[in-house]
Amino acid sequence: MMIERLLTLSETCERSGIHPNTLRKWDKQGKIRVVRTVGGRRRIPESEVERLMGIAKPDTPKKP
């Protein structure tokens, strides 16, 4: 099982160039996947940041 890295709101903003208020709004609207910490802080999965940026990791080629 692989554990996905969760980014803080500020890390997500730095990587994506998206304003924090926009990310908060998208979270409330359900447009992005967000994980909440026990303390209620937003954490954005790295794969979601890549999706927002339009970057998809290529699938590993399957061997015959």
PDB file of N, CA and C in Angstrom:
ATOM      1  N   MET A   1       0.839  -1.183   0.000  1.00  0.00           N
ATOM      2  CA  MET A   1       0.000   0.000   0.000  1.00  0.00           C
ATOM      3  C   MET A   1       0.882   1.244   0.000  1.00  0.00           C
ATOM      4  N   MET A   2       0.563   2.176  -0.891  1.00  0.00           N
ATOM      5  CA  MET A   2       1.349   3.401  -0.998  1.00  0.00           C
ATOM      6  C   MET A   2       0.582   4.556  -0.356  1.00  0.00           C
ATOM      7  N   ILE A   3       1.246   5.279   0.510  1.00  0.00           N
ATOM      8  CA  ILE A   3       0.617   6.418   1.168  1.00  0.00           C
ATOM      9  C   ILE A   3       0.928   7.674   0.361  1.00  0.00           C
ATOM     10  N   GLU A   4      -0.133   8.406   0.039  1.00  0.00           N
ATOM     11  CA  GLU A   4       0.027   9.613  -0.766  1.00  0.00           C
ATOM     12  C   GLU A   4       0.412  10.796   0.118  1.00  0.00           C
ATOM     13  N   ARG A   5       1.288  11.625  -0.389  1.00  0.00           N
ATOM     14  CA  ARG A   5       1.730  12.809   0.345  1.00  0.00           C
ATOM     15  C   ARG A   5       0.630  13.856   0.335  1.00  0.00           C
ATOM     16  N   LEU A   6       0.370  14.458   1.491  1.00  0.00           N
ATOM     17  CA  LEU A   6      -0.619  15.523   1.612  1.00  0.00           C
ATOM     18  C   LEU A   6       0.113  16.847   1.778  1.00  0.00           C
ATOM     19  N   LEU A   7      -0.318  17.839   1.019  1.00  0.00           N
ATOM     20  CA  LEU A   7       0.325  19.146   1.042  1.00  0.00           C
ATOM     21  C   LEU A   7      -0.527  20.151   1.808  1.00  0.00           C
ATOM     22  N   THR A   8       0.144  21.098   2.447  1.00  0.00           N
ATOM     23  CA  THR A   8      -0.578  22.172   3.114  1.00  0.00           C
ATOM     24  C   THR A   8      -1.146  23.109   2.053  1.00  0.00           C
ATOM     25  N   LEU A   9      -2.007  23.999   2.479  1.00  0.00           N
ATOM     26  CA  LEU A   9      -2.587  24.973   1.558  1.00  0.00           C
ATOM     27  C   LEU A   9      -1.490  25.845   0.938  1.00  0.00           C
ATOM     28  N   SER A  10      -0.537  26.269   1.750  1.00  0.00           N
ATOM     29  CA  SER A  10       0.534  27.126   1.223  1.00  0.00           C
ATOM     30  C   SER A  10       1.437  26.372   0.247  1.00  0.00           C
ATOM     31  N   GLU A  11       1.733  25.095   0.535  1.00  0.00           N
ATOM     32  CA  GLU A  11       2.534  24.291  -0.392  1.00  0.00           C
ATOM     33  C   GLU A  11       1.793  24.117  -1.722  1.00  0.00           C
ATOM     34  N   THR A  12       0.492  23.898  -1.639  1.00  0.00           N
ATOM     35  CA  THR A  12      -0.316  23.744  -2.851  1.00  0.00           C
ATOM     36  C   THR A  12      -0.300  25.030  -3.670  1.00  0.00           C
ATOM     37  N   CYS A  13      -0.405  26.165  -3.007  1.00  0.00           N
ATOM     38  CA  CYS A  13      -0.375  27.459  -3.692  1.00  0.00           C
ATOM     39  C   CYS A  13       0.965  27.684  -4.384  1.00  0.00           C
ATOM     40  N   GLU A  14       2.049  27.364  -3.696  1.00  0.00           N
ATOM     41  CA  GLU A  14       3.385  27.529  -4.275  1.00  0.00           C
ATOM     42  C   GLU A  14       3.562  26.680  -5.525  1.00  0.00           C
ATOM     43  N   ARG A  15       3.105  25.447  -5.470  1.00  0.00           N
ATOM     44  CA  ARG A  15       3.265  24.532  -6.607  1.00  0.00           C
ATOM     45  C   ARG A  15       2.362  24.885  -7.781  1.00  0.00           C
ATOM     46  N   SER A  16       1.130  25.275  -7.480  1.00  0.00           N
ATOM     47  CA  SER A  16       0.132  25.453  -8.539  1.00  0.00           C
ATOM     48  C   SER A  16      -0.020  26.886  -9.021  1.00  0.00           C
ATOM     49  N   GLY A  17       0.338  27.848  -8.177  1.00  0.00           N
ATOM     50  CA  GLY A  17       0.123  29.248  -8.534  1.00  0.00           C
ATOM     51  C   GLY A  17      -1.324  29.685  -8.335  1.00  0.00           C
ATOM     52  N   ILE A  18      -2.117  28.851  -7.677  1.00  0.00           N
ATOM     53  CA  ILE A  18      -3.523  29.174  -7.414  1.00  0.00           C
ATOM     54  C   ILE A  18      -3.616  29.863  -6.061  1.00  0.00           C
ATOM     55  N   HIS A  19      -4.399  30.923  -5.998  1.00  0.00           N
ATOM     56  CA  HIS A  19      -4.551  31.714  -4.774  1.00  0.00           C
ATOM     57  C   HIS A  19      -5.233  30.880  -3.686  1.00  0.00           C
ATOM     58  N   PRO A  20      -4.822  31.062  -2.425  1.00  0.00           N
ATOM     59  CA  PRO A  20      -5.416  30.289  -1.328  1.00  0.00           C
ATOM     60  C   PRO A  20      -6.935  30.458  -1.218  1.00  0.00           C
ATOM     61  N   ASN A  21      -7.426  31.662  -1.454  1.00  0.00           N
ATOM     62  CA  ASN A  21      -8.877  31.876  -1.376  1.00  0.00           C
ATOM     63  C   ASN A  21      -9.615  31.075  -2.443  1.00  0.00           C
ATOM     64  N   THR A  22      -8.995  30.924  -3.611  1.00  0.00           N
ATOM     65  CA  THR A  22      -9.595  30.128  -4.677  1.00  0.00           C
ATOM     66  C   THR A  22      -9.661  28.664  -4.255  1.00  0.00           C
ATOM     67  N   LEU A  23      -8.578  28.155  -3.651  1.00  0.00           N
ATOM     68  CA  LEU A  23      -8.563  26.771  -3.178  1.00  0.00           C
ATOM     69  C   LEU A  23      -9.618  26.558  -2.094  1.00  0.00           C
ATOM     70  N   ARG A  24      -9.759  27.509  -1.194  1.00  0.00           N
ATOM     71  CA  ARG A  24     -10.780  27.400  -0.137  1.00  0.00           C
ATOM     72  C   ARG A  24     -12.179  27.368  -0.744  1.00  0.00           C
ATOM     73  N   LYS A  25     -12.403  28.219  -1.732  1.00  0.00           N
ATOM     74  CA  LYS A  25     -13.707  28.280  -2.398  1.00  0.00           C
ATOM     75  C   LYS A  25     -14.000  26.965  -3.113  1.00  0.00           C
ATOM     76  N   TRP A  26     -13.007  26.438  -3.847  1.00  0.00           N
ATOM     77  CA  TRP A  26     -13.180  25.178  -4.563  1.00  0.00           C
ATOM     78  C   TRP A  26     -13.451  24.033  -3.593  1.00  0.00           C
ATOM     79  N   ASP A  27     -12.819  24.078  -2.415  1.00  0.00           N
ATOM     80  CA  ASP A  27     -13.066  23.062  -1.391  1.00  0.00           C
ATOM     81  C   ASP A  27     -14.537  23.125  -0.967  1.00  0.00           C
ATOM     82  N   LYS A  28     -15.028  24.306  -0.658  1.00  0.00           N
ATOM     83  CA  LYS A  28     -16.424  24.467  -0.230  1.00  0.00           C
ATOM     84  C   LYS A  28     -17.399  24.046  -1.313  1.00  0.00           C
ATOM     85  N   GLN A  29     -17.020  24.243  -2.575  1.00  0.00           N
ATOM     86  CA  GLN A  29     -17.883  23.888  -3.702  1.00  0.00           C
ATOM     87  C   GLN A  29     -17.745  22.416  -4.104  1.00  0.00           C
ATOM     88  N   GLY A  30     -16.780  21.724  -3.510  1.00  0.00           N
ATOM     89  CA  GLY A  30     -16.570  20.320  -3.827  1.00  0.00           C
ATOM     90  C   GLY A  30     -15.832  20.087  -5.139  1.00  0.00           C
ATOM     91  N   LYS A  31     -15.152  21.106  -5.636  1.00  0.00           N
ATOM     92  CA  LYS A  31     -14.433  20.995  -6.905  1.00  0.00           C
ATOM     93  C   LYS A  31     -13.077  20.318  -6.766  1.00  0.00           C
ATOM     94  N   ILE A  32     -12.527  20.321  -5.544  1.00  0.00           N
ATOM     95  CA  ILE A  32     -11.253  19.653  -5.315  1.00  0.00           C
ATOM     96  C   ILE A  32     -11.391  18.710  -4.129  1.00  0.00           C
ATOM     97  N   ARG A  33     -10.537  17.697  -4.123  1.00  0.00           N
ATOM     98  CA  ARG A  33     -10.522  16.720  -3.030  1.00  0.00           C
ATOM     99  C   ARG A  33      -9.588  17.238  -1.950  1.00  0.00           C
ATOM    100  N   VAL A  34     -10.113  17.349  -0.744  1.00  0.00           N
ATOM    101  CA  VAL A  34      -9.345  17.862   0.387  1.00  0.00           C
ATOM    102  C   VAL A  34      -9.516  16.908   1.564  1.00  0.00           C
ATOM    103  N   VAL A  35      -8.435  16.704   2.298  1.00  0.00           N
ATOM    104  CA  VAL A  35      -8.466  15.894   3.514  1.00  0.00           C
ATOM    105  C   VAL A  35      -8.330  16.862   4.679  1.00  0.00           C
ATOM    106  N   ARG A  36      -9.133  16.654   5.712  1.00  0.00           N
ATOM    107  CA  ARG A  36      -9.049  17.506   6.895  1.00  0.00           C
ATOM    108  C   ARG A  36      -8.271  16.798   8.000  1.00  0.00           C
ATOM    109  N   THR A  37      -7.418  17.561   8.674  1.00  0.00           N
ATOM    110  CA  THR A  37      -6.693  17.013   9.824  1.00  0.00           C
ATOM    111  C   THR A  37      -7.637  16.977  11.017  1.00  0.00           C
ATOM    112  N   VAL A  38      -7.198  16.362  12.101  1.00  0.00           N
ATOM    113  CA  VAL A  38      -7.994  16.325  13.325  1.00  0.00           C
ATOM    114  C   VAL A  38      -8.312  17.757  13.777  1.00  0.00           C
ATOM    115  N   GLY A  39      -7.375  18.670  13.561  1.00  0.00           N
ATOM    116  CA  GLY A  39      -7.561  20.065  13.945  1.00  0.00           C
ATOM    117  C   GLY A  39      -8.370  20.881  12.945  1.00  0.00           C
ATOM    118  N   GLY A  40      -8.803  20.254  11.842  1.00  0.00           N
ATOM    119  CA  GLY A  40      -9.635  20.944  10.861  1.00  0.00           C
ATOM    120  C   GLY A  40      -8.878  21.635   9.741  1.00  0.00           C
ATOM    121  N   ARG A  41      -7.571  21.426   9.689  1.00  0.00           N
ATOM    122  CA  ARG A  41      -6.765  22.050   8.624  1.00  0.00           C
ATOM    123  C   ARG A  41      -6.926  21.306   7.314  1.00  0.00           C
ATOM    124  N   ARG A  42      -6.833  22.045   6.216  1.00  0.00           N
ATOM    125  CA  ARG A  42      -6.924  21.426   4.892  1.00  0.00           C
ATOM    126  C   ARG A  42      -5.584  20.843   4.491  1.00  0.00           C
ATOM    127  N   ARG A  43      -5.633  19.650   3.909  1.00  0.00           N
ATOM    128  CA  ARG A  43      -4.467  19.034   3.295  1.00  0.00           C
ATOM    129  C   ARG A  43      -4.918  18.529   1.932  1.00  0.00           C
ATOM    130  N   ILE A  44      -4.148  18.862   0.915  1.00  0.00           N
ATOM    131  CA  ILE A  44      -4.505  18.514  -0.449  1.00  0.00           C
ATOM    132  C   ILE A  44      -3.574  17.397  -0.930  1.00  0.00           C
ATOM    133  N   PRO A  45      -4.157  16.274  -1.370  1.00  0.00           N
ATOM    134  CA  PRO A  45      -3.318  15.180  -1.877  1.00  0.00           C
ATOM    135  C   PRO A  45      -2.502  15.636  -3.079  1.00  0.00           C
ATOM    136  N   GLU A  46      -1.283  15.142  -3.159  1.00  0.00           N
ATOM    137  CA  GLU A  46      -0.374  15.525  -4.237  1.00  0.00           C
ATOM    138  C   GLU A  46      -0.984  15.237  -5.611  1.00  0.00           C
ATOM    139  N   SER A  47      -1.716  14.140  -5.731  1.00  0.00           N
ATOM    140  CA  SER A  47      -2.348  13.803  -7.013  1.00  0.00           C
ATOM    141  C   SER A  47      -3.401  14.840  -7.408  1.00  0.00           C
ATOM    142  N   GLU A  48      -4.041  15.439  -6.425  1.00  0.00           N
ATOM    143  CA  GLU A  48      -5.040  16.473  -6.706  1.00  0.00           C
ATOM    144  C   GLU A  48      -4.363  17.744  -7.206  1.00  0.00           C
ATOM    145  N   VAL A  49      -3.204  18.057  -6.653  1.00  0.00           N
ATOM    146  CA  VAL A  49      -2.438  19.219  -7.113  1.00  0.00           C
ATOM    147  C   VAL A  49      -2.006  19.006  -8.566  1.00  0.00           C
ATOM    148  N   GLU A  50      -1.551  17.791  -8.865  1.00  0.00           N
ATOM    149  CA  GLU A  50      -1.146  17.474 -10.234  1.00  0.00           C
ATOM    150  C   GLU A  50      -2.338  17.582 -11.187  1.00  0.00           C
ATOM    151  N   ARG A  51      -3.510  17.131 -10.726  1.00  0.00           N
ATOM    152  CA  ARG A  51      -4.714  17.234 -11.553  1.00  0.00           C
ATOM    153  C   ARG A  51      -5.050  18.699 -11.823  1.00  0.00           C
ATOM    154  N   LEU A  52      -4.949  19.511 -10.799  1.00  0.00           N
ATOM    155  CA  LEU A  52      -5.231  20.941 -10.952  1.00  0.00           C
ATOM    156  C   LEU A  52      -4.286  21.602 -11.941  1.00  0.00           C
ATOM    157  N   MET A  53      -3.049  21.140 -11.939  1.00  0.00           N
ATOM    158  CA  MET A  53      -2.036  21.722 -12.817  1.00  0.00           C
ATOM    159  C   MET A  53      -2.074  21.110 -14.209  1.00  0.00           C
ATOM    160  N   GLY A  54      -2.897  20.081 -14.401  1.00  0.00           N
ATOM    161  CA  GLY A  54      -2.988  19.438 -15.707  1.00  0.00           C
ATOM    162  C   GLY A  54      -1.838  18.499 -15.984  1.00  0.00           C
ATOM    163  N   ILE A  55      -1.190  18.050 -14.906  1.00  0.00           N
ATOM    164  CA  ILE A  55      -0.064  17.130 -15.054  1.00  0.00           C
ATOM    165  C   ILE A  55      -0.529  15.751 -14.598  1.00  0.00           C
ATOM    166  N   ALA A  56      -0.454  14.808 -15.487  1.00  0.00           N
ATOM    167  CA  ALA A  56      -0.803  13.446 -15.128  1.00  0.00           C
ATOM    168  C   ALA A  56       0.441  12.588 -15.202  1.00  0.00           C
ATOM    169  N   LYS A  57       0.665  11.834 -14.163  1.00  0.00           N
ATOM    170  CA  LYS A  57       1.813  10.925 -14.189  1.00  0.00           C
ATOM    171  C   LYS A  57       1.512   9.827 -15.196  1.00  0.00           C
ATOM    172  N   PRO A  58       2.441   9.552 -16.085  1.00  0.00           N
ATOM    173  CA  PRO A  58       2.178   8.492 -17.068  1.00  0.00           C
ATOM    174  C   PRO A  58       2.068   7.135 -16.398  1.00  0.00           C
ATOM    175  N   ASP A  59       1.184   6.309 -16.934  1.00  0.00           N
ATOM    176  CA  ASP A  59       1.041   4.950 -16.409  1.00  0.00           C
ATOM    177  C   ASP A  59       2.318   4.177 -16.714  1.00  0.00           C
ATOM    178  N   THR A  60       2.647   3.280 -15.809  1.00  0.00           N
ATOM    179  CA  THR A  60       3.800   2.420 -16.015  1.00  0.00           C
ATOM    180  C   THR A  60       3.450   1.426 -17.116  1.00  0.00           C
ATOM    181  N   PRO A  61       4.279   1.337 -18.141  1.00  0.00           N
ATOM    182  CA  PRO A  61       3.974   0.380 -19.212  1.00  0.00           C
ATOM    183  C   PRO A  61       3.919  -1.042 -18.675  1.00  0.00           C
ATOM    184  N   LYS A  62       2.939  -1.787 -19.159  1.00  0.00           N
ATOM    185  CA  LYS A  62       2.799  -3.167 -18.738  1.00  0.00           C
ATOM    186  C   LYS A  62       3.643  -4.064 -19.612  1.00  0.00           C
ATOM    187  N   LYS A  63       4.319  -4.997 -18.968  1.00  0.00           N
ATOM    188  CA  LYS A  63       5.166  -5.927 -19.714  1.00  0.00           C
ATOM    189  C   LYS A  63       4.297  -7.057 -20.253  1.00  0.00           C
ATOM    190  N   PRO A  64       4.597  -7.501 -21.459  1.00  0.00           N
ATOM    191  CA  PRO A  64       3.802  -8.597 -22.047  1.00  0.00           C
ATOM    192  C   PRO A  64       3.984  -9.902 -21.325  1.00  0.00           C
TER     193      PRO A  64
END
